[in-house]
Protein backbone atom coordinates (compact mmCIF):
# COMPACT_ATOMS: atom_id res chain seq x y z
CA MET A 1 -25.49 55.58 26.35
CA PHE A 2 -25.12 52.80 23.99
CA MET A 3 -24.07 49.54 26.26
CA GLU A 4 -21.72 46.98 24.24
CA PHE A 5 -21.56 43.92 26.25
CA ILE A 6 -18.60 41.70 24.89
CA ARG A 7 -18.35 38.44 26.98
CA ILE A 8 -20.95 37.17 29.40
CA SER A 9 -21.08 33.20 29.76
CA ASN A 10 -24.39 31.12 29.66
CA ASP A 11 -24.24 30.55 33.25
CA GLN A 12 -24.00 34.28 34.13
CA ALA A 13 -26.66 35.19 31.52
CA PHE A 14 -29.46 35.00 34.45
CA VAL A 15 -27.63 38.62 35.99
CA LEU A 16 -28.82 40.25 33.02
CA ASN A 17 -32.72 39.46 33.85
CA GLU A 18 -31.95 40.28 37.72
CA ILE A 19 -30.52 43.53 37.05
CA PHE A 20 -32.34 44.88 33.83
CA ARG A 21 -35.76 43.37 34.17
CA GLU A 22 -36.24 42.29 37.37
CA ARG A 23 -34.29 45.22 38.86
CA VAL A 24 -33.29 43.28 41.99
CA TYR A 25 -30.87 46.03 42.95
CA ASP A 26 -32.77 48.87 42.69
CA VAL A 27 -32.99 50.77 46.30
CA PRO A 28 -36.42 52.11 46.97
CA GLY A 29 -35.78 56.06 47.76
CA VAL A 30 -32.27 56.29 46.35
CA ASP A 31 -31.93 58.07 43.39
CA LEU A 32 -28.77 56.75 41.50
CA ARG A 33 -28.31 59.92 39.84
CA SER A 34 -27.37 61.55 43.06
CA CYS A 35 -24.44 58.68 43.89
CA ARG A 36 -21.02 59.61 43.31
CA THR A 37 -19.70 56.59 44.28
CA ILE A 38 -20.99 53.13 43.74
CA VAL A 39 -18.84 50.00 45.19
CA ASP A 40 -19.66 46.69 43.53
CA LEU A 41 -18.37 43.45 45.67
CA GLY A 42 -18.19 40.39 43.41
CA ALA A 43 -18.56 42.46 40.27
CA ASN A 44 -18.19 39.49 37.96
CA VAL A 45 -18.13 40.57 34.45
CA GLY A 46 -19.58 43.76 35.08
CA VAL A 47 -23.43 43.62 34.42
CA PHE A 48 -24.38 46.05 37.68
CA ALA A 49 -21.47 48.30 36.68
CA LEU A 50 -23.13 48.89 33.03
CA TYR A 51 -26.69 49.11 34.84
CA ALA A 52 -25.09 51.87 37.58
CA ALA A 53 -23.21 53.75 34.91
CA ALA A 54 -26.37 54.31 32.78
CA ASN A 55 -28.09 55.17 35.77
CA ALA A 56 -25.52 57.08 37.73
CA PRO A 57 -23.36 58.87 34.90
CA ASN A 58 -21.55 61.36 37.51
CA ALA A 59 -20.53 58.24 39.78
CA THR A 60 -17.04 56.47 40.16
CA ILE A 61 -18.13 52.77 40.18
CA HIS A 62 -15.51 50.72 42.07
CA CYS A 63 -15.83 46.78 40.98
CA PHE A 64 -13.89 44.25 42.89
CA GLU A 65 -13.82 40.68 41.44
CA PRO A 66 -10.75 38.21 42.61
CA ALA A 67 -11.09 35.59 40.06
CA ALA A 68 -8.65 35.83 37.08
CA ALA A 69 -10.89 34.92 34.34
CA THR A 70 -13.74 36.92 35.28
CA PHE A 71 -11.77 39.77 36.32
CA ALA A 72 -10.17 39.78 32.41
CA ALA A 73 -13.80 39.67 31.02
CA LEU A 74 -14.87 42.41 33.70
CA GLN A 75 -11.83 44.76 32.30
CA GLU A 76 -12.41 44.00 28.76
CA ASN A 77 -16.39 44.83 29.28
CA VAL A 78 -15.21 48.25 31.23
CA ASN A 79 -13.06 49.32 28.37
CA ALA A 80 -15.49 48.37 25.64
CA ASN A 81 -18.11 50.63 27.12
CA GLN A 82 -15.64 53.33 28.29
CA LEU A 83 -17.07 53.47 31.76
CA ASN A 84 -16.15 55.41 34.96
CA VAL A 85 -14.86 52.18 36.82
CA VAL A 86 -12.13 51.37 38.75
CA THR A 87 -11.74 47.81 38.93
CA HIS A 88 -9.95 45.74 41.66
CA ALA A 89 -8.75 42.14 41.37
CA LEU A 90 -9.54 41.70 45.45
CA ALA A 91 -11.66 39.36 47.17
CA ILE A 92 -13.38 40.86 50.21
CA SER A 93 -12.76 39.08 53.32
CA THR A 94 -12.51 39.50 57.17
CA SER A 95 -8.86 39.84 56.80
CA CYS A 96 -6.13 40.92 54.30
CA GLY A 97 -3.71 38.82 52.51
CA PRO A 98 -3.65 35.96 49.85
CA ALA A 99 -6.40 33.19 49.91
CA ARG A 100 -7.73 30.41 48.02
CA PHE A 101 -10.63 31.11 45.88
CA TYR A 102 -12.93 28.11 45.21
CA ARG A 103 -15.22 27.57 42.18
CA ALA A 104 -18.23 25.73 43.50
CA GLY A 105 -20.06 25.16 40.53
CA ARG A 106 -20.91 27.90 37.72
CA ALA A 107 -18.94 30.50 37.02
CA VAL A 108 -20.68 32.73 39.43
CA GLU A 109 -20.21 30.41 42.33
CA TRP A 110 -17.05 31.08 43.91
CA SER A 111 -16.10 31.24 47.68
CA LEU A 112 -13.23 31.46 49.91
CA ASN A 113 -14.76 28.62 52.02
CA SER A 114 -12.87 25.15 51.50
CA ASP A 115 -14.50 22.99 48.93
CA PRO A 116 -12.40 19.77 48.57
CA GLY A 117 -12.18 18.72 45.03
CA ALA A 118 -13.10 21.96 43.44
CA VAL A 119 -11.03 24.38 41.20
CA CYS A 120 -9.00 26.85 42.98
CA GLU A 121 -7.05 29.81 42.64
CA GLU A 122 -4.65 32.30 44.81
CA VAL A 123 -6.58 35.37 45.31
CA ASN A 124 -5.71 38.65 47.32
CA CYS A 125 -8.37 39.94 49.95
CA ILE A 126 -8.90 43.36 51.72
CA ASP A 127 -11.33 43.63 54.53
CA LEU A 128 -14.04 46.33 54.83
CA ASP A 129 -12.00 48.33 57.36
CA HIS A 130 -9.44 49.08 54.72
CA LEU A 131 -11.89 49.34 51.71
CA PHE A 132 -13.80 52.03 53.64
CA LYS A 133 -11.03 54.30 55.26
CA PRO A 134 -12.67 57.17 57.10
CA SER A 135 -10.97 59.88 54.84
CA SER A 136 -12.07 58.00 51.73
CA THR A 137 -15.61 57.09 52.46
CA PRO A 138 -18.12 59.31 49.99
CA SER A 139 -21.00 61.22 51.45
CA THR A 140 -23.17 59.65 48.64
CA PHE A 141 -22.40 56.03 47.78
CA ILE A 142 -24.38 52.80 47.09
CA LEU A 143 -22.89 49.40 47.92
CA ARG A 144 -23.71 45.98 45.74
CA LYS A 145 -22.97 43.11 47.34
CA SER A 146 -22.58 39.61 45.58
CA ILE A 147 -20.45 37.57 47.77
CA VAL A 148 -20.88 34.58 49.84
CA SER A 149 -19.73 34.98 53.55
CA SER A 150 -16.45 33.51 54.79
CA SER A 151 -15.33 32.25 58.23
CA ARG A 152 -11.65 33.28 56.76
């Protein structure tokens, strides 16, 4: 499968090494080819989605990314590569509803925790209870988390 990666900034490039070279998200004993659903929390621009799509061609990948500009790049990358990915412009939190999302530094450092003086934007949140409704939880799935915990 040819992967055409469109948009990634310099401060996001380290993720390419983590996923494709260092393989930090490989799960020992898990054959990704058997997964039917993969959930990527904090999907950023979709680097892990590209990796998952190449290694689990029969899976539907759900990418959650709340930051507006990053979500746009995620959608662009997913569309350019014609991936079986469903994108969600949502943050994962302890409660559902709107929240402020703060940029703590680099493009990959966002948090729902208050950071005075930081750039922020309003995002919508979903909690894990709503994300994993019992009737929709698949029998074979993998979850990748790249999020900062929040007291919200």
